[in-house]
């Protein structure tokens, strides 16, 4: 079995720049309406950006969680790339802290940090 994550969007080519920089991925095969993004390291889950005609409505039913050591610094980096912060503040539950962001087309994702005590 192979896994990839698909993100619906209006403009896959424009969104590819954001997600490649955000995830340290590179553009892969593209054939309208799809643009595939691949990990530069070769290991990881491909992300497929799929052009769809309908606009985004409401909250995503599935989203990405990006785990990093410093979630505040990473959120600032992603905002500089074009993400926007969803005004929920810093959330916390079960030893995990996260910040909710949206990509340039409004698709939500989380930047997360686990407490050291919960990762041991």
PDB file of N, CA and C in Angstrom:
ATOM      1  N   UNK A   1       0.837  -1.172   0.000  1.00  0.00           N
ATOM      2  CA  UNK A   1       0.000   0.000   0.000  1.00  0.00           C
ATOM      3  C   UNK A   1       0.885   1.239   0.000  1.00  0.00           C
ATOM      4  N   UNK A   2       0.449   2.248  -0.721  1.00  0.00           N
ATOM      5  CA  UNK A   2       1.160   3.522  -0.781  1.00  0.00           C
ATOM      6  C   UNK A   2       0.195   4.613  -0.365  1.00  0.00           C
ATOM      7  N   UNK A   3       0.703   5.643   0.289  1.00  0.00           N
ATOM      8  CA  UNK A   3      -0.122   6.737   0.782  1.00  0.00           C
ATOM      9  C   UNK A   3       0.354   8.046   0.196  1.00  0.00           C
ATOM     10  N   UNK A   4      -0.583   8.905  -0.177  1.00  0.00           N
ATOM     11  CA  UNK A   4      -0.288  10.284  -0.510  1.00  0.00           C
ATOM     12  C   UNK A   4      -1.420  11.128   0.042  1.00  0.00           C
ATOM     13  N   UNK A   5      -1.169  12.402   0.213  1.00  0.00           N
ATOM     14  CA  UNK A   5      -2.171  13.324   0.723  1.00  0.00           C
ATOM     15  C   UNK A   5      -2.543  14.263  -0.413  1.00  0.00           C
ATOM     16  N   UNK A   6      -3.847  14.461  -0.630  1.00  0.00           N
ATOM     17  CA  UNK A   6      -4.313  15.369  -1.673  1.00  0.00           C
ATOM     18  C   UNK A   6      -4.930  16.605  -1.030  1.00  0.00           C
ATOM     19  N   UNK A   7      -4.623  17.763  -1.600  1.00  0.00           N
ATOM     20  CA  UNK A   7      -5.189  19.029  -1.141  1.00  0.00           C
ATOM     21  C   UNK A   7      -5.916  19.659  -2.317  1.00  0.00           C
ATOM     22  N   UNK A   8      -7.220  19.872  -2.173  1.00  0.00           N
ATOM     23  CA  UNK A   8      -7.989  20.561  -3.201  1.00  0.00           C
ATOM     24  C   UNK A   8      -7.642  22.043  -3.178  1.00  0.00           C
ATOM     25  N   UNK A   9      -7.564  22.649  -4.360  1.00  0.00           N
ATOM     26  CA  UNK A   9      -7.208  24.065  -4.425  1.00  0.00           C
ATOM     27  C   UNK A   9      -7.648  24.637  -5.768  1.00  0.00           C
ATOM     28  N   UNK A  10      -7.606  25.957  -5.864  1.00  0.00           N
ATOM     29  CA  UNK A  10      -7.962  26.634  -7.106  1.00  0.00           C
ATOM     30  C   UNK A  10      -6.778  26.680  -8.073  1.00  0.00           C
ATOM     31  N   UNK A  11      -5.563  26.886  -7.535  1.00  0.00           N
ATOM     32  CA  UNK A  11      -4.380  27.086  -8.376  1.00  0.00           C
ATOM     33  C   UNK A  11      -3.207  26.245  -7.859  1.00  0.00           C
ATOM     34  N   UNK A  12      -3.104  24.986  -8.305  1.00  0.00           N
ATOM     35  CA  UNK A  12      -2.035  24.109  -7.809  1.00  0.00           C
ATOM     36  C   UNK A  12      -0.624  24.642  -8.050  1.00  0.00           C
ATOM     37  N   UNK A  13      -0.404  25.305  -9.176  1.00  0.00           N
ATOM     38  CA  UNK A  13       0.942  25.815  -9.461  1.00  0.00           C
ATOM     39  C   UNK A  13       1.341  26.879  -8.443  1.00  0.00           C
ATOM     40  N   UNK A  14       0.441  27.778  -8.098  1.00  0.00           N
ATOM     41  CA  UNK A  14       0.733  28.827  -7.112  1.00  0.00           C
ATOM     42  C   UNK A  14       0.924  28.219  -5.730  1.00  0.00           C
ATOM     43  N   UNK A  15       0.065  27.279  -5.361  1.00  0.00           N
ATOM     44  CA  UNK A  15       0.137  26.673  -4.036  1.00  0.00           C
ATOM     45  C   UNK A  15       1.364  25.772  -3.898  1.00  0.00           C
ATOM     46  N   UNK A  16       1.859  25.237  -5.011  1.00  0.00           N
ATOM     47  CA  UNK A  16       3.045  24.367  -4.974  1.00  0.00           C
ATOM     48  C   UNK A  16       4.242  25.107  -4.391  1.00  0.00           C
ATOM     49  N   UNK A  17       4.414  26.358  -4.729  1.00  0.00           N
ATOM     50  CA  UNK A  17       5.537  27.129  -4.198  1.00  0.00           C
ATOM     51  C   UNK A  17       5.484  27.222  -2.683  1.00  0.00           C
ATOM     52  N   UNK A  18       4.302  27.489  -2.155  1.00  0.00           N
ATOM     53  CA  UNK A  18       4.154  27.576  -0.702  1.00  0.00           C
ATOM     54  C   UNK A  18       4.464  26.240  -0.047  1.00  0.00           C
ATOM     55  N   UNK A  19       3.804  25.159  -0.492  1.00  0.00           N
ATOM     56  CA  UNK A  19       3.968  23.865   0.179  1.00  0.00           C
ATOM     57  C   UNK A  19       5.369  23.290  -0.010  1.00  0.00           C
ATOM     58  N   UNK A  20       6.014  23.528  -1.157  1.00  0.00           N
ATOM     59  CA  UNK A  20       7.401  23.068  -1.324  1.00  0.00           C
ATOM     60  C   UNK A  20       8.305  23.735  -0.303  1.00  0.00           C
ATOM     61  N   UNK A  21       8.161  25.046  -0.125  1.00  0.00           N
ATOM     62  CA  UNK A  21       8.982  25.756   0.859  1.00  0.00           C
ATOM     63  C   UNK A  21       8.607  25.353   2.279  1.00  0.00           C
ATOM     64  N   UNK A  22       7.326  25.180   2.546  1.00  0.00           N
ATOM     65  CA  UNK A  22       6.870  24.839   3.892  1.00  0.00           C
ATOM     66  C   UNK A  22       7.371  23.471   4.334  1.00  0.00           C
ATOM     67  N   UNK A  23       7.328  22.492   3.420  1.00  0.00           N
ATOM     68  CA  UNK A  23       7.642  21.107   3.768  1.00  0.00           C
ATOM     69  C   UNK A  23       9.055  20.677   3.382  1.00  0.00           C
ATOM     70  N   UNK A  24       9.811  21.537   2.704  1.00  0.00           N
ATOM     71  CA  UNK A  24      11.108  21.181   2.127  1.00  0.00           C
ATOM     72  C   UNK A  24      10.928  20.052   1.105  1.00  0.00           C
ATOM     73  N   UNK A  25       9.931  20.233   0.236  1.00  0.00           N
ATOM     74  CA  UNK A  25       9.623  19.308  -0.851  1.00  0.00           C
ATOM     75  C   UNK A  25      10.084  19.938  -2.158  1.00  0.00           C
ATOM     76  N   UNK A  26       9.951  19.177  -3.228  1.00  0.00           N
ATOM     77  CA  UNK A  26      10.257  19.660  -4.571  1.00  0.00           C
ATOM     78  C   UNK A  26       9.092  19.307  -5.483  1.00  0.00           C
ATOM     79  N   UNK A  27       8.908  20.064  -6.559  1.00  0.00           N
ATOM     80  CA  UNK A  27       7.851  19.708  -7.504  1.00  0.00           C
ATOM     81  C   UNK A  27       8.164  18.361  -8.149  1.00  0.00           C
ATOM     82  N   UNK A  28       7.139  17.586  -8.343  1.00  0.00           N
ATOM     83  CA  UNK A  28       7.261  16.296  -9.010  1.00  0.00           C
ATOM     84  C   UNK A  28       6.426  16.317 -10.278  1.00  0.00           C
ATOM     85  N   UNK A  29       5.901  15.171 -10.661  1.00  0.00           N
ATOM     86  CA  UNK A  29       5.088  15.108 -11.878  1.00  0.00           C
ATOM     87  C   UNK A  29       3.873  16.028 -11.799  1.00  0.00           C
ATOM     88  N   UNK A  30       3.547  16.634 -12.927  1.00  0.00           N
ATOM     89  CA  UNK A  30       2.369  17.498 -13.014  1.00  0.00           C
ATOM     90  C   UNK A  30       1.619  17.175 -14.294  1.00  0.00           C
ATOM     91  N   UNK A  31       0.341  16.967 -14.161  1.00  0.00           N
ATOM     92  CA  UNK A  31      -0.557  16.771 -15.298  1.00  0.00           C
ATOM     93  C   UNK A  31      -1.913  17.315 -14.863  1.00  0.00           C
ATOM     94  N   UNK A  32      -2.358  18.383 -15.495  1.00  0.00           N
ATOM     95  CA  UNK A  32      -3.601  19.010 -15.047  1.00  0.00           C
ATOM     96  C   UNK A  32      -4.697  17.963 -14.836  1.00  0.00           C
ATOM     97  N   UNK A  33      -5.402  18.052 -13.731  1.00  0.00           N
ATOM     98  CA  UNK A  33      -5.454  19.131 -12.744  1.00  0.00           C
ATOM     99  C   UNK A  33      -4.558  18.892 -11.530  1.00  0.00           C
ATOM    100  N   UNK A  34      -3.500  18.091 -11.667  1.00  0.00           N
ATOM    101  CA  UNK A  34      -2.684  17.706 -10.515  1.00  0.00           C
ATOM    102  C   UNK A  34      -1.256  18.237 -10.590  1.00  0.00           C
ATOM    103  N   UNK A  35      -0.710  18.585  -9.438  1.00  0.00           N
ATOM    104  CA  UNK A  35       0.713  18.849  -9.271  1.00  0.00           C
ATOM    105  C   UNK A  35       1.151  18.015  -8.071  1.00  0.00           C
ATOM    106  N   UNK A  36       2.148  17.172  -8.265  1.00  0.00           N
ATOM    107  CA  UNK A  36       2.648  16.325  -7.189  1.00  0.00           C
ATOM    108  C   UNK A  36       3.888  16.957  -6.575  1.00  0.00           C
ATOM    109  N   UNK A  37       3.952  16.937  -5.242  1.00  0.00           N
ATOM    110  CA  UNK A  37       5.107  17.436  -4.505  1.00  0.00           C
ATOM    111  C   UNK A  37       5.765  16.255  -3.806  1.00  0.00           C
ATOM    112  N   UNK A  38       7.091  16.193  -3.884  1.00  0.00           N
ATOM    113  CA  UNK A  38       7.824  15.059  -3.333  1.00  0.00           C
ATOM    114  C   UNK A  38       8.868  15.534  -2.321  1.00  0.00           C
ATOM    115  N   UNK A  39       9.111  14.738  -1.276  1.00  0.00           N
ATOM    116  CA  UNK A  39      10.146  15.100  -0.301  1.00  0.00           C
ATOM    117  C   UNK A  39      11.511  15.160  -0.974  1.00  0.00           C
ATOM    118  N   UNK A  40      12.285  16.212  -0.699  1.00  0.00           N
ATOM    119  CA  UNK A  40      13.631  16.311  -1.261  1.00  0.00           C
ATOM    120  C   UNK A  40      14.508  15.153  -0.802  1.00  0.00           C
ATOM    121  N   UNK A  41      14.270  14.682   0.423  1.00  0.00           N
ATOM    122  CA  UNK A  41      15.084  13.598   0.974  1.00  0.00           C
ATOM    123  C   UNK A  41      14.748  12.249   0.357  1.00  0.00           C
ATOM    124  N   UNK A  42      13.624  12.159  -0.348  1.00  0.00           N
ATOM    125  CA  UNK A  42      13.199  10.888  -0.922  1.00  0.00           C
ATOM    126  C   UNK A  42      12.319  10.084   0.010  1.00  0.00           C
ATOM    127  N   UNK A  43      12.363  10.376   1.301  1.00  0.00           N
ATOM    128  CA  UNK A  43      11.543   9.648   2.274  1.00  0.00           C
ATOM    129  C   UNK A  43      10.417  10.560   2.747  1.00  0.00           C
ATOM    130  N   UNK A  44       9.209  10.070   2.682  1.00  0.00           N
ATOM    131  CA  UNK A  44       8.071  10.850   3.142  1.00  0.00           C
ATOM    132  C   UNK A  44       6.854  10.608   2.277  1.00  0.00           C
ATOM    133  N   UNK A  45       5.815  11.328   2.587  1.00  0.00           N
ATOM    134  CA  UNK A  45       4.531  11.149   1.921  1.00  0.00           C
ATOM    135  C   UNK A  45       4.374  12.199   0.831  1.00  0.00           C
ATOM    136  N   UNK A  46       4.111  11.778  -0.414  1.00  0.00           N
ATOM    137  CA  UNK A  46       3.857  12.754  -1.473  1.00  0.00           C
ATOM    138  C   UNK A  46       2.589  13.559  -1.167  1.00  0.00           C
ATOM    139  N   UNK A  47       2.587  14.814  -1.604  1.00  0.00           N
ATOM    140  CA  UNK A  47       1.421  15.675  -1.499  1.00  0.00           C
ATOM    141  C   UNK A  47       0.982  16.006  -2.921  1.00  0.00           C
ATOM    142  N   UNK A  48      -0.301  15.810  -3.196  1.00  0.00           N
ATOM    143  CA  UNK A  48      -0.850  16.098  -4.516  1.00  0.00           C
ATOM    144  C   UNK A  48      -1.791  17.293  -4.385  1.00  0.00           C
ATOM    145  N   UNK A  49      -1.520  18.323  -5.157  1.00  0.00           N
ATOM    146  CA  UNK A  49      -2.404  19.486  -5.211  1.00  0.00           C
ATOM    147  C   UNK A  49      -3.338  19.277  -6.392  1.00  0.00           C
ATOM    148  N   UNK A  50      -4.636  19.335  -6.139  1.00  0.00           N
ATOM    149  CA  UNK A  50      -5.634  19.035  -7.157  1.00  0.00           C
ATOM    150  C   UNK A  50      -6.505  20.257  -7.400  1.00  0.00           C
ATOM    151  N   UNK A  51      -6.512  20.741  -8.635  1.00  0.00           N
ATOM    152  CA  UNK A  51      -7.373  21.871  -8.987  1.00  0.00           C
ATOM    153  C   UNK A  51      -8.828  21.409  -8.986  1.00  0.00           C
ATOM    154  N   UNK A  52      -9.660  22.168  -8.298  1.00  0.00           N
ATOM    155  CA  UNK A  52     -11.102  21.902  -8.262  1.00  0.00           C
ATOM    156  C   UNK A  52     -11.828  23.207  -8.579  1.00  0.00           C
ATOM    157  N   UNK A  53     -13.003  23.125  -9.193  1.00  0.00           N
ATOM    158  CA  UNK A  53     -13.701  24.347  -9.587  1.00  0.00           C
ATOM    159  C   UNK A  53     -14.428  25.054  -8.437  1.00  0.00           C
ATOM    160  N   UNK A  54     -14.812  24.310  -7.420  1.00  0.00           N
ATOM    161  CA  UNK A  54     -15.600  24.920  -6.340  1.00  0.00           C
ATOM    162  C   UNK A  54     -14.687  25.576  -5.305  1.00  0.00           C
ATOM    163  N   UNK A  55     -15.146  26.683  -4.713  1.00  0.00           N
ATOM    164  CA  UNK A  55     -14.348  27.338  -3.675  1.00  0.00           C
ATOM    165  C   UNK A  55     -14.396  26.552  -2.369  1.00  0.00           C
ATOM    166  N   UNK A  56     -13.406  26.780  -1.530  1.00  0.00           N
ATOM    167  CA  UNK A  56     -13.379  26.155  -0.205  1.00  0.00           C
ATOM    168  C   UNK A  56     -14.514  26.732   0.629  1.00  0.00           C
ATOM    169  N   UNK A  57     -15.211  25.852   1.322  1.00  0.00           N
ATOM    170  CA  UNK A  57     -16.287  26.282   2.212  1.00  0.00           C
ATOM    171  C   UNK A  57     -16.112  25.605   3.555  1.00  0.00           C
ATOM    172  N   UNK A  58     -16.032  26.377   4.601  1.00  0.00           N
ATOM    173  CA  UNK A  58     -15.949  25.802   5.941  1.00  0.00           C
ATOM    174  C   UNK A  58     -14.583  25.221   6.252  1.00  0.00           C
ATOM    175  N   UNK A  59     -14.532  24.557   7.384  1.00  0.00           N
ATOM    176  CA  UNK A  59     -13.306  23.961   7.905  1.00  0.00           C
ATOM    177  C   UNK A  59     -12.972  22.664   7.154  1.00  0.00           C
ATOM    178  N   UNK A  60     -11.673  22.431   6.941  1.00  0.00           N
ATOM    179  CA  UNK A  60     -11.240  21.172   6.325  1.00  0.00           C
ATOM    180  C   UNK A  60     -11.647  19.994   7.200  1.00  0.00           C
ATOM    181  N   UNK A  61     -12.047  18.901   6.596  1.00  0.00           N
ATOM    182  CA  UNK A  61     -12.357  17.682   7.345  1.00  0.00           C
ATOM    183  C   UNK A  61     -11.085  16.897   7.649  1.00  0.00           C
ATOM    184  N   UNK A  62     -10.038  17.095   6.854  1.00  0.00           N
ATOM    185  CA  UNK A  62      -8.727  16.476   7.069  1.00  0.00           C
ATOM    186  C   UNK A  62      -7.708  17.592   6.943  1.00  0.00           C
ATOM    187  N   UNK A  63      -6.683  17.562   7.801  1.00  0.00           N
ATOM    188  CA  UNK A  63      -5.647  18.586   7.717  1.00  0.00           C
ATOM    189  C   UNK A  63      -4.303  17.977   8.084  1.00  0.00           C
ATOM    190  N   UNK A  64      -3.222  18.702   7.767  1.00  0.00           N
ATOM    191  CA  UNK A  64      -1.873  18.269   8.096  1.00  0.00           C
ATOM    192  C   UNK A  64      -1.489  18.798   9.469  1.00  0.00           C
ATOM    193  N   UNK A  65      -0.775  17.995  10.241  1.00  0.00           N
ATOM    194  CA  UNK A  65      -0.139  18.409  11.485  1.00  0.00           C
ATOM    195  C   UNK A  65       1.364  18.336  11.253  1.00  0.00           C
ATOM    196  N   UNK A  66       2.052  19.465  11.385  1.00  0.00           N
ATOM    197  CA  UNK A  66       3.493  19.524  11.193  1.00  0.00           C
ATOM    198  C   UNK A  66       4.144  19.607  12.563  1.00  0.00           C
ATOM    199  N   UNK A  67       4.894  18.587  12.961  1.00  0.00           N
ATOM    200  CA  UNK A  67       5.551  18.540  14.273  1.00  0.00           C
ATOM    201  C   UNK A  67       6.965  19.089  14.174  1.00  0.00           C
ATOM    202  N   UNK A  68       7.262  20.070  15.013  1.00  0.00           N
ATOM    203  CA  UNK A  68       8.567  20.737  15.020  1.00  0.00           C
ATOM    204  C   UNK A  68       8.976  20.985  16.469  1.00  0.00           C
ATOM    205  N   UNK A  69      10.245  21.340  16.666  1.00  0.00           N
ATOM    206  CA  UNK A  69      10.731  21.624  18.023  1.00  0.00           C
ATOM    207  C   UNK A  69      10.231  22.969  18.530  1.00  0.00           C
ATOM    208  N   UNK A  70      10.237  23.988  17.677  1.00  0.00           N
ATOM    209  CA  UNK A  70       9.826  25.339  18.079  1.00  0.00           C
ATOM    210  C   UNK A  70       8.639  25.761  17.212  1.00  0.00           C
ATOM    211  N   UNK A  71       7.429  25.509  17.702  1.00  0.00           N
ATOM    212  CA  UNK A  71       6.244  25.768  16.889  1.00  0.00           C
ATOM    213  C   UNK A  71       6.003  27.261  16.646  1.00  0.00           C
ATOM    214  N   UNK A  72       6.402  28.121  17.560  1.00  0.00           N
ATOM    215  CA  UNK A  72       6.247  29.563  17.353  1.00  0.00           C
ATOM    216  C   UNK A  72       7.154  30.047  16.217  1.00  0.00           C
ATOM    217  N   UNK A  73       8.416  29.621  16.220  1.00  0.00           N
ATOM    218  CA  UNK A  73       9.353  30.012  15.160  1.00  0.00           C
ATOM    219  C   UNK A  73       8.911  29.453  13.808  1.00  0.00           C
ATOM    220  N   UNK A  74       8.439  28.213  13.799  1.00  0.00           N
ATOM    221  CA  UNK A  74       7.994  27.608  12.548  1.00  0.00           C
ATOM    222  C   UNK A  74       6.748  28.307  12.025  1.00  0.00           C
ATOM    223  N   UNK A  75       5.826  28.653  12.915  1.00  0.00           N
ATOM    224  CA  UNK A  75       4.629  29.386  12.488  1.00  0.00           C
ATOM    225  C   UNK A  75       5.030  30.723  11.877  1.00  0.00           C
ATOM    226  N   UNK A  76       5.981  31.421  12.482  1.00  0.00           N
ATOM    227  CA  UNK A  76       6.445  32.695  11.936  1.00  0.00           C
ATOM    228  C   UNK A  76       7.064  32.503  10.549  1.00  0.00           C
ATOM    229  N   UNK A  77       7.835  31.439  10.369  1.00  0.00           N
ATOM    230  CA  UNK A  77       8.447  31.147   9.062  1.00  0.00           C
ATOM    231  C   UNK A  77       7.366  30.900   8.014  1.00  0.00           C
ATOM    232  N   UNK A  78       6.353  30.121   8.371  1.00  0.00           N
ATOM    233  CA  UNK A  78       5.288  29.787   7.431  1.00  0.00           C
ATOM    234  C   UNK A  78       4.430  31.011   7.097  1.00  0.00           C
ATOM    235  N   UNK A  79       4.222  31.880   8.071  1.00  0.00           N
ATOM    236  CA  UNK A  79       3.486  33.116   7.810  1.00  0.00           C
ATOM    237  C   UNK A  79       4.269  33.992   6.843  1.00  0.00           C
ATOM    238  N   UNK A  80       5.582  34.035   6.988  1.00  0.00           N
ATOM    239  CA  UNK A  80       6.422  34.791   6.058  1.00  0.00           C
ATOM    240  C   UNK A  80       6.338  34.223   4.638  1.00  0.00           C
ATOM    241  N   UNK A  81       6.049  32.922   4.523  1.00  0.00           N
ATOM    242  CA  UNK A  81       5.907  32.285   3.208  1.00  0.00           C
ATOM    243  C   UNK A  81       4.531  32.509   2.592  1.00  0.00           C
ATOM    244  N   UNK A  82       3.572  32.990   3.397  1.00  0.00           N
ATOM    245  CA  UNK A  82       2.234  33.240   2.851  1.00  0.00           C
ATOM    246  C   UNK A  82       1.094  32.620   3.622  1.00  0.00           C
ATOM    247  N   UNK A  83       1.389  31.871   4.684  1.00  0.00           N
ATOM    248  CA  UNK A  83       0.318  31.306   5.524  1.00  0.00           C
ATOM    249  C   UNK A  83      -0.300  32.426   6.349  1.00  0.00           C
ATOM    250  N   UNK A  84      -1.459  32.155   6.904  1.00  0.00           N
ATOM    251  CA  UNK A  84      -2.073  33.105   7.829  1.00  0.00           C
ATOM    252  C   UNK A  84      -2.458  32.346   9.093  1.00  0.00           C
ATOM    253  N   UNK A  85      -2.421  33.076  10.200  1.00  0.00           N
ATOM    254  CA  UNK A  85      -2.745  32.471  11.489  1.00  0.00           C
ATOM    255  C   UNK A  85      -4.250  32.520  11.702  1.00  0.00           C
ATOM    256  N   UNK A  86      -4.821  31.389  12.085  1.00  0.00           N
ATOM    257  CA  UNK A  86      -6.232  31.328  12.433  1.00  0.00           C
ATOM    258  C   UNK A  86      -6.308  31.698  13.904  1.00  0.00           C
ATOM    259  N   UNK A  87      -7.118  32.647  14.256  1.00  0.00           N
ATOM    260  CA  UNK A  87      -7.110  33.210  15.603  1.00  0.00           C
ATOM    261  C   UNK A  87      -7.726  32.269  16.641  1.00  0.00           C
ATOM    262  N   UNK A  88      -6.960  31.240  17.007  1.00  0.00           N
ATOM    263  CA  UNK A  88      -7.359  30.336  18.085  1.00  0.00           C
ATOM    264  C   UNK A  88      -6.342  30.376  19.210  1.00  0.00           C
ATOM    265  N   UNK A  89      -5.304  31.194  19.046  1.00  0.00           N
ATOM    266  CA  UNK A  89      -4.239  31.225  20.038  1.00  0.00           C
ATOM    267  C   UNK A  89      -3.425  29.948  19.972  1.00  0.00           C
ATOM    268  N   UNK A  90      -2.661  29.697  21.009  1.00  0.00           N
ATOM    269  CA  UNK A  90      -1.895  28.459  21.100  1.00  0.00           C
ATOM    270  C   UNK A  90      -2.745  27.468  21.867  1.00  0.00           C
ATOM    271  N   UNK A  91      -3.065  26.373  21.256  1.00  0.00           N
ATOM    272  CA  UNK A  91      -3.907  25.357  21.879  1.00  0.00           C
ATOM    273  C   UNK A  91      -3.029  24.292  22.526  1.00  0.00           C
ATOM    274  N   UNK A  92      -3.597  23.595  23.473  1.00  0.00           N
ATOM    275  CA  UNK A  92      -2.841  22.591  24.210  1.00  0.00           C
ATOM    276  C   UNK A  92      -3.776  21.474  24.656  1.00  0.00           C
ATOM    277  N   UNK A  93      -3.320  20.245  24.483  1.00  0.00           N
ATOM    278  CA  UNK A  93      -4.042  19.091  24.997  1.00  0.00           C
ATOM    279  C   UNK A  93      -3.105  17.897  25.036  1.00  0.00           C
ATOM    280  N   UNK A  94      -3.224  17.090  26.043  1.00  0.00           N
ATOM    281  CA  UNK A  94      -2.476  15.835  26.167  1.00  0.00           C
ATOM    282  C   UNK A  94      -0.993  15.993  25.849  1.00  0.00           C
ATOM    283  N   UNK A  95      -0.375  17.055  26.349  1.00  0.00           N
ATOM    284  CA  UNK A  95       1.063  17.225  26.157  1.00  0.00           C
ATOM    285  C   UNK A  95       1.472  17.729  24.802  1.00  0.00           C
ATOM    286  N   UNK A  96       0.541  18.244  24.023  1.00  0.00           N
ATOM    287  CA  UNK A  96       0.849  18.776  22.697  1.00  0.00           C
ATOM    288  C   UNK A  96       0.346  20.211  22.608  1.00  0.00           C
ATOM    289  N   UNK A  97       1.162  21.080  22.029  1.00  0.00           N
ATOM    290  CA  UNK A  97       0.788  22.474  21.801  1.00  0.00           C
ATOM    291  C   UNK A  97       0.731  22.681  20.289  1.00  0.00           C
ATOM    292  N   UNK A  98      -0.251  23.436  19.811  1.00  0.00           N
ATOM    293  CA  UNK A  98      -0.313  23.673  18.386  1.00  0.00           C
ATOM    294  C   UNK A  98      -0.844  25.060  18.070  1.00  0.00           C
ATOM    295  N   UNK A  99      -0.502  25.506  16.869  1.00  0.00           N
ATOM    296  CA  UNK A  99      -0.967  26.770  16.314  1.00  0.00           C
ATOM    297  C   UNK A  99      -1.661  26.425  15.008  1.00  0.00           C
ATOM    298  N   UNK A 100      -2.849  26.946  14.807  1.00  0.00           N
ATOM    299  CA  UNK A 100      -3.601  26.682  13.582  1.00  0.00           C
ATOM    300  C   UNK A 100      -3.281  27.778  12.568  1.00  0.00           C
ATOM    301  N   UNK A 101      -2.858  27.337  11.386  1.00  0.00           N
ATOM    302  CA  UNK A 101      -2.569  28.237  10.273  1.00  0.00           C
ATOM    303  C   UNK A 101      -3.412  27.837   9.075  1.00  0.00           C
ATOM    304  N   UNK A 102      -3.427  28.693   8.065  1.00  0.00           N
ATOM    305  CA  UNK A 102      -4.064  28.374   6.792  1.00  0.00           C
ATOM    306  C   UNK A 102      -3.063  28.673   5.681  1.00  0.00           C
ATOM    307  N   UNK A 103      -3.045  27.828   4.651  1.00  0.00           N
ATOM    308  CA  UNK A 103      -2.175  28.078   3.509  1.00  0.00           C
ATOM    309  C   UNK A 103      -2.743  29.260   2.706  1.00  0.00           C
ATOM    310  N   UNK A 104      -2.069  29.710   1.655  1.00  0.00           N
ATOM    311  CA  UNK A 104      -2.553  30.883   0.921  1.00  0.00           C
ATOM    312  C   UNK A 104      -3.959  30.753   0.331  1.00  0.00           C
ATOM    313  N   UNK A 105      -4.491  29.537   0.209  1.00  0.00           N
ATOM    314  CA  UNK A 105      -5.860  29.363  -0.275  1.00  0.00           C
ATOM    315  C   UNK A 105      -6.849  29.065   0.850  1.00  0.00           C
ATOM    316  N   UNK A 106      -6.383  29.140   2.101  1.00  0.00           N
ATOM    317  CA  UNK A 106      -7.300  28.977   3.228  1.00  0.00           C
ATOM    318  C   UNK A 106      -7.418  27.571   3.787  1.00  0.00           C
ATOM    319  N   UNK A 107      -6.615  26.620   3.301  1.00  0.00           N
ATOM    320  CA  UNK A 107      -6.644  25.251   3.836  1.00  0.00           C
ATOM    321  C   UNK A 107      -5.926  25.227   5.186  1.00  0.00           C
ATOM    322  N   UNK A 108      -6.638  24.814   6.230  1.00  0.00           N
ATOM    323  CA  UNK A 108      -6.069  24.807   7.569  1.00  0.00           C
ATOM    324  C   UNK A 108      -5.046  23.689   7.752  1.00  0.00           C
ATOM    325  N   UNK A 109      -4.051  23.979   8.607  1.00  0.00           N
ATOM    326  CA  UNK A 109      -3.088  22.975   9.050  1.00  0.00           C
ATOM    327  C   UNK A 109      -2.561  23.429  10.401  1.00  0.00           C
ATOM    328  N   UNK A 110      -1.932  22.520  11.129  1.00  0.00           N
ATOM    329  CA  UNK A 110      -1.438  22.833  12.464  1.00  0.00           C
ATOM    330  C   UNK A 110       0.077  22.697  12.524  1.00  0.00           C
ATOM    331  N   UNK A 111       0.686  23.589  13.288  1.00  0.00           N
ATOM    332  CA  UNK A 111       2.108  23.498  13.601  1.00  0.00           C
ATOM    333  C   UNK A 111       2.166  23.091  15.067  1.00  0.00           C
ATOM    334  N   UNK A 112       2.759  21.935  15.338  1.00  0.00           N
ATOM    335  CA  UNK A 112       2.648  21.297  16.651  1.00  0.00           C
ATOM    336  C   UNK A 112       4.006  21.088  17.322  1.00  0.00           C
ATOM    337  N   UNK A 113       3.962  21.089  18.644  1.00  0.00           N
ATOM    338  CA  UNK A 113       5.127  20.744  19.472  1.00  0.00           C
ATOM    339  C   UNK A 113       4.629  19.858  20.602  1.00  0.00           C
ATOM    340  N   UNK A 114       5.297  18.729  20.777  1.00  0.00           N
ATOM    341  CA  UNK A 114       4.978  17.851  21.901  1.00  0.00           C
ATOM    342  C   UNK A 114       5.851  18.222  23.080  1.00  0.00           C
ATOM    343  N   UNK A 115       5.299  18.122  24.275  1.00  0.00           N
ATOM    344  CA  UNK A 115       6.108  18.312  25.476  1.00  0.00           C
ATOM    345  C   UNK A 115       7.125  17.186  25.562  1.00  0.00           C
ATOM    346  N   UNK A 116       8.325  17.496  26.038  1.00  0.00           N
ATOM    347  CA  UNK A 116       9.376  16.486  26.149  1.00  0.00           C
ATOM    348  C   UNK A 116       8.936  15.301  26.984  1.00  0.00           C
ATOM    349  N   UNK A 117       8.157  15.530  28.023  1.00  0.00           N
ATOM    350  CA  UNK A 117       7.723  14.439  28.911  1.00  0.00           C
ATOM    351  C   UNK A 117       6.851  13.432  28.184  1.00  0.00           C
ATOM    352  N   UNK A 118       6.136  13.859  27.119  1.00  0.00           N
ATOM    353  CA  UNK A 118       5.239  12.944  26.414  1.00  0.00           C
ATOM    354  C   UNK A 118       5.917  12.234  25.259  1.00  0.00           C
ATOM    355  N   UNK A 119       7.153  12.651  24.886  1.00  0.00           N
ATOM    356  CA  UNK A 119       7.834  12.020  23.750  1.00  0.00           C
ATOM    357  C   UNK A 119       8.844  10.971  24.177  1.00  0.00           C
ATOM    358  N   UNK A 120       9.089  10.856  25.464  1.00  0.00           N
ATOM    359  CA  UNK A 120      10.104   9.912  25.933  1.00  0.00           C
ATOM    360  C   UNK A 120       9.572   8.498  25.969  1.00  0.00           C
TER     361      UNK A 120
END
